[in-house]
Amino acid sequence: MINDTDLKHLRRCIELARAALEIGDEPFGSVLVSANGDVLAEDHNHVAGGDHTQHPEFALARWAAGNMTAEDRALATVYTSGEHCPMCAAAHGWVGLGRIVYASSSEQLAQWLSEMGVGAARVRNLPIQDVIRDTVIEGPVPELAEEVRELHRQFYAKRPK
């Protein structure tokens, strides 16, 4: 169940996605929150330079592995503007992070990109639960997904065809 605290962190993810867009990067943002509600780390996409592994969820998983105990990781929540891709879901699972909450799903993103005439990504969109087990996953959040869609629309409108 999505609550006001979840919405606050998801809105921050959208702010981070907007910051990525403003520097010419794909609009994705993520926040790692401890069990007691402290924001531990946050990041946005850094793929514009050509390294398409520079996703914020992957960066947060690496940060968590180096800075948190296994118990603390299991109790933490990762908030993100868009559902984890398979690479990020696997990283999340391998380091043992807890709950995932996302504003928009990979299925929504694929539909939006299709509507915009953007070809499918090389890596398949898979639901997180098809990649990792035993993780509480919540999303999408309809009242925020439209904001995420608009960020992607802006990103792809700027790209040369």
Protein backbone atom coordinates (compact mmCIF):
# COMPACT_ATOMS: atom_id res chain seq x y z
CA MET A 1 0.00 0.00 0.00
CA ILE A 2 1.46 3.35 -1.08
CA ASN A 3 1.40 5.95 1.72
CA ASP A 4 2.29 9.65 2.02
CA THR A 5 5.93 8.87 2.86
CA ASP A 6 6.19 6.73 -0.27
CA LEU A 7 4.71 9.53 -2.36
CA LYS A 8 7.22 12.01 -0.92
CA HIS A 9 10.16 9.78 -1.91
CA LEU A 10 8.68 9.04 -5.33
CA ARG A 11 8.29 12.77 -5.97
CA ARG A 12 11.99 13.16 -5.16
CA CYS A 13 12.73 10.43 -7.71
CA ILE A 14 10.81 12.43 -10.32
CA GLU A 15 12.82 15.55 -9.37
CA LEU A 16 16.02 13.55 -9.92
CA ALA A 17 14.68 12.27 -13.25
CA ARG A 18 13.96 15.88 -14.23
CA ALA A 19 17.54 16.82 -13.26
CA ALA A 20 18.83 14.03 -15.52
CA LEU A 21 16.68 15.32 -18.37
CA GLU A 22 18.00 18.86 -17.86
CA ILE A 23 21.57 17.67 -18.46
CA GLY A 24 20.55 15.66 -21.54
CA ASP A 25 20.23 12.26 -19.92
CA GLU A 26 17.37 9.79 -19.86
CA PRO A 27 14.89 10.77 -17.13
CA PHE A 28 15.25 8.22 -14.35
CA GLY A 29 15.86 8.92 -10.66
CA SER A 30 16.09 6.74 -7.55
CA VAL A 31 16.34 7.11 -3.78
CA LEU A 32 17.53 4.60 -1.15
CA VAL A 33 15.78 4.95 2.23
CA SER A 34 16.66 3.17 5.47
CA ALA A 35 14.17 1.31 7.64
CA ASN A 36 13.90 4.36 9.92
CA GLY A 37 13.16 6.71 7.00
CA ASP A 38 16.58 8.30 6.44
CA VAL A 39 17.54 9.02 2.85
CA LEU A 40 20.87 7.22 2.49
CA ALA A 41 21.68 7.84 -1.17
CA GLU A 42 20.08 9.10 -4.36
CA ASP A 43 21.07 9.27 -7.98
CA HIS A 44 19.81 9.73 -11.52
CA ASN A 45 20.73 8.25 -14.89
CA HIS A 46 24.23 8.84 -16.24
CA VAL A 47 23.98 6.98 -19.55
CA ALA A 48 24.38 9.94 -21.92
CA GLY A 49 28.14 9.36 -22.04
CA GLY A 50 27.57 5.96 -23.65
CA ASP A 51 27.83 3.60 -20.65
CA HIS A 52 24.31 2.26 -20.47
CA THR A 53 24.99 0.47 -17.17
CA GLN A 54 24.99 3.81 -15.32
CA HIS A 55 21.44 3.48 -14.02
CA PRO A 56 20.59 4.98 -10.63
CA GLU A 57 19.16 1.73 -9.24
CA PHE A 58 22.40 -0.08 -10.06
CA ALA A 59 24.45 2.70 -8.44
CA LEU A 60 22.31 2.51 -5.29
CA ALA A 61 22.76 -1.27 -5.13
CA ARG A 62 26.54 -0.86 -5.35
CA TRP A 63 26.46 1.89 -2.71
CA ALA A 64 24.35 -0.28 -0.40
CA ALA A 65 26.69 -3.27 -0.80
CA GLY A 66 29.64 -1.15 0.31
CA ASN A 67 27.99 0.90 3.03
CA MET A 68 25.23 -1.13 4.69
CA THR A 69 24.99 -4.38 6.60
CA ALA A 70 23.03 -7.22 5.04
CA GLU A 71 20.31 -6.72 7.67
CA ASP A 72 20.04 -2.99 6.96
CA ARG A 73 19.89 -3.62 3.21
CA ALA A 74 17.03 -6.10 3.65
CA LEU A 75 15.03 -3.51 5.61
CA ALA A 76 15.69 -0.62 3.20
CA THR A 77 13.41 0.63 0.42
CA VAL A 78 14.44 1.68 -3.07
CA TYR A 79 12.16 4.26 -4.64
CA THR A 80 12.44 4.91 -8.34
CA SER A 81 10.72 6.89 -11.06
CA GLY A 82 10.61 3.84 -13.35
CA GLU A 83 10.49 0.13 -12.66
CA HIS A 84 13.92 -1.51 -12.50
CA CYS A 85 15.27 -2.95 -15.73
CA PRO A 86 16.49 -6.58 -15.53
CA MET A 87 20.10 -5.46 -14.84
CA CYS A 88 19.04 -3.24 -11.94
CA ALA A 89 16.57 -5.79 -10.57
CA ALA A 90 19.35 -8.40 -10.52
CA ALA A 91 21.73 -5.99 -8.76
CA HIS A 92 18.98 -5.22 -6.21
CA GLY A 93 18.47 -8.93 -5.61
CA TRP A 94 22.17 -9.83 -5.46
CA VAL A 95 22.90 -7.27 -2.73
CA GLY A 96 19.75 -8.18 -0.80
CA LEU A 97 17.93 -4.87 -0.81
CA GLY A 98 14.35 -4.83 0.46
CA ARG A 99 11.17 -3.25 -0.83
CA ILE A 100 10.92 -1.57 -4.23
CA VAL A 101 8.41 1.20 -4.97
CA TYR A 102 8.17 2.69 -8.47
CA ALA A 103 6.12 5.46 -10.04
CA SER A 104 5.83 3.97 -13.54
CA SER A 105 6.21 0.43 -14.86
CA SER A 106 8.44 -0.91 -17.59
CA GLU A 107 5.26 -1.98 -19.40
CA GLN A 108 4.02 1.62 -19.34
CA LEU A 109 7.39 2.86 -20.60
CA ALA A 110 7.37 0.39 -23.49
CA GLN A 111 3.86 1.50 -24.44
CA TRP A 112 4.78 5.19 -24.24
CA LEU A 113 7.89 4.71 -26.36
CA SER A 114 5.90 2.76 -28.94
CA GLU A 115 3.35 5.58 -29.10
CA MET A 116 6.23 8.05 -29.63
CA GLY A 117 7.67 5.93 -32.44
CA VAL A 118 10.77 4.97 -30.45
CA GLY A 119 12.04 1.48 -31.24
CA ALA A 120 12.19 -1.18 -28.57
CA ALA A 121 15.27 -1.32 -26.36
CA ARG A 122 17.81 -4.06 -26.98
CA VAL A 123 17.28 -5.42 -23.46
CA ARG A 124 13.79 -6.74 -22.82
CA ASN A 125 11.53 -5.09 -20.29
CA LEU A 126 10.72 -7.65 -17.63
CA PRO A 127 8.70 -7.15 -14.48
CA ILE A 128 10.97 -7.10 -11.43
CA GLN A 129 9.31 -10.22 -10.02
CA ASP A 130 10.42 -12.11 -13.15
CA VAL A 131 14.04 -11.35 -12.18
CA ILE A 132 14.15 -11.56 -8.37
CA ARG A 133 12.15 -13.39 -5.71
CA ASP A 134 11.08 -12.56 -2.18
CA THR A 135 10.91 -8.79 -2.61
CA VAL A 136 7.94 -6.57 -1.86
CA ILE A 137 7.27 -4.60 -5.05
CA GLU A 138 4.75 -1.78 -5.31
CA GLY A 139 3.85 0.28 -8.32
CA PRO A 140 2.97 1.83 -10.61
CA VAL A 141 1.44 4.89 -8.97
CA PRO A 142 -1.10 6.33 -11.45
CA GLU A 143 -1.05 9.88 -10.08
CA LEU A 144 2.73 10.07 -10.69
CA ALA A 145 3.11 7.94 -13.81
CA GLU A 146 1.78 10.72 -16.04
CA GLU A 147 4.57 13.04 -14.82
CA VAL A 148 7.13 10.38 -15.71
CA ARG A 149 5.55 9.95 -19.13
CA GLU A 150 5.90 13.68 -19.78
CA LEU A 151 9.62 13.58 -18.90
CA HIS A 152 10.15 10.78 -21.41
CA ARG A 153 8.16 12.66 -24.02
CA GLN A 154 10.42 15.68 -23.52
CA PHE A 155 13.56 13.53 -23.72
CA TYR A 156 12.58 11.84 -26.96
CA ALA A 157 11.25 15.07 -28.52
CA LYS A 158 14.80 16.51 -28.22
CA ARG A 159 16.54 13.51 -29.79
CA PRO A 160 17.45 13.61 -33.48
CA LYS A 161 15.32 11.22 -35.51
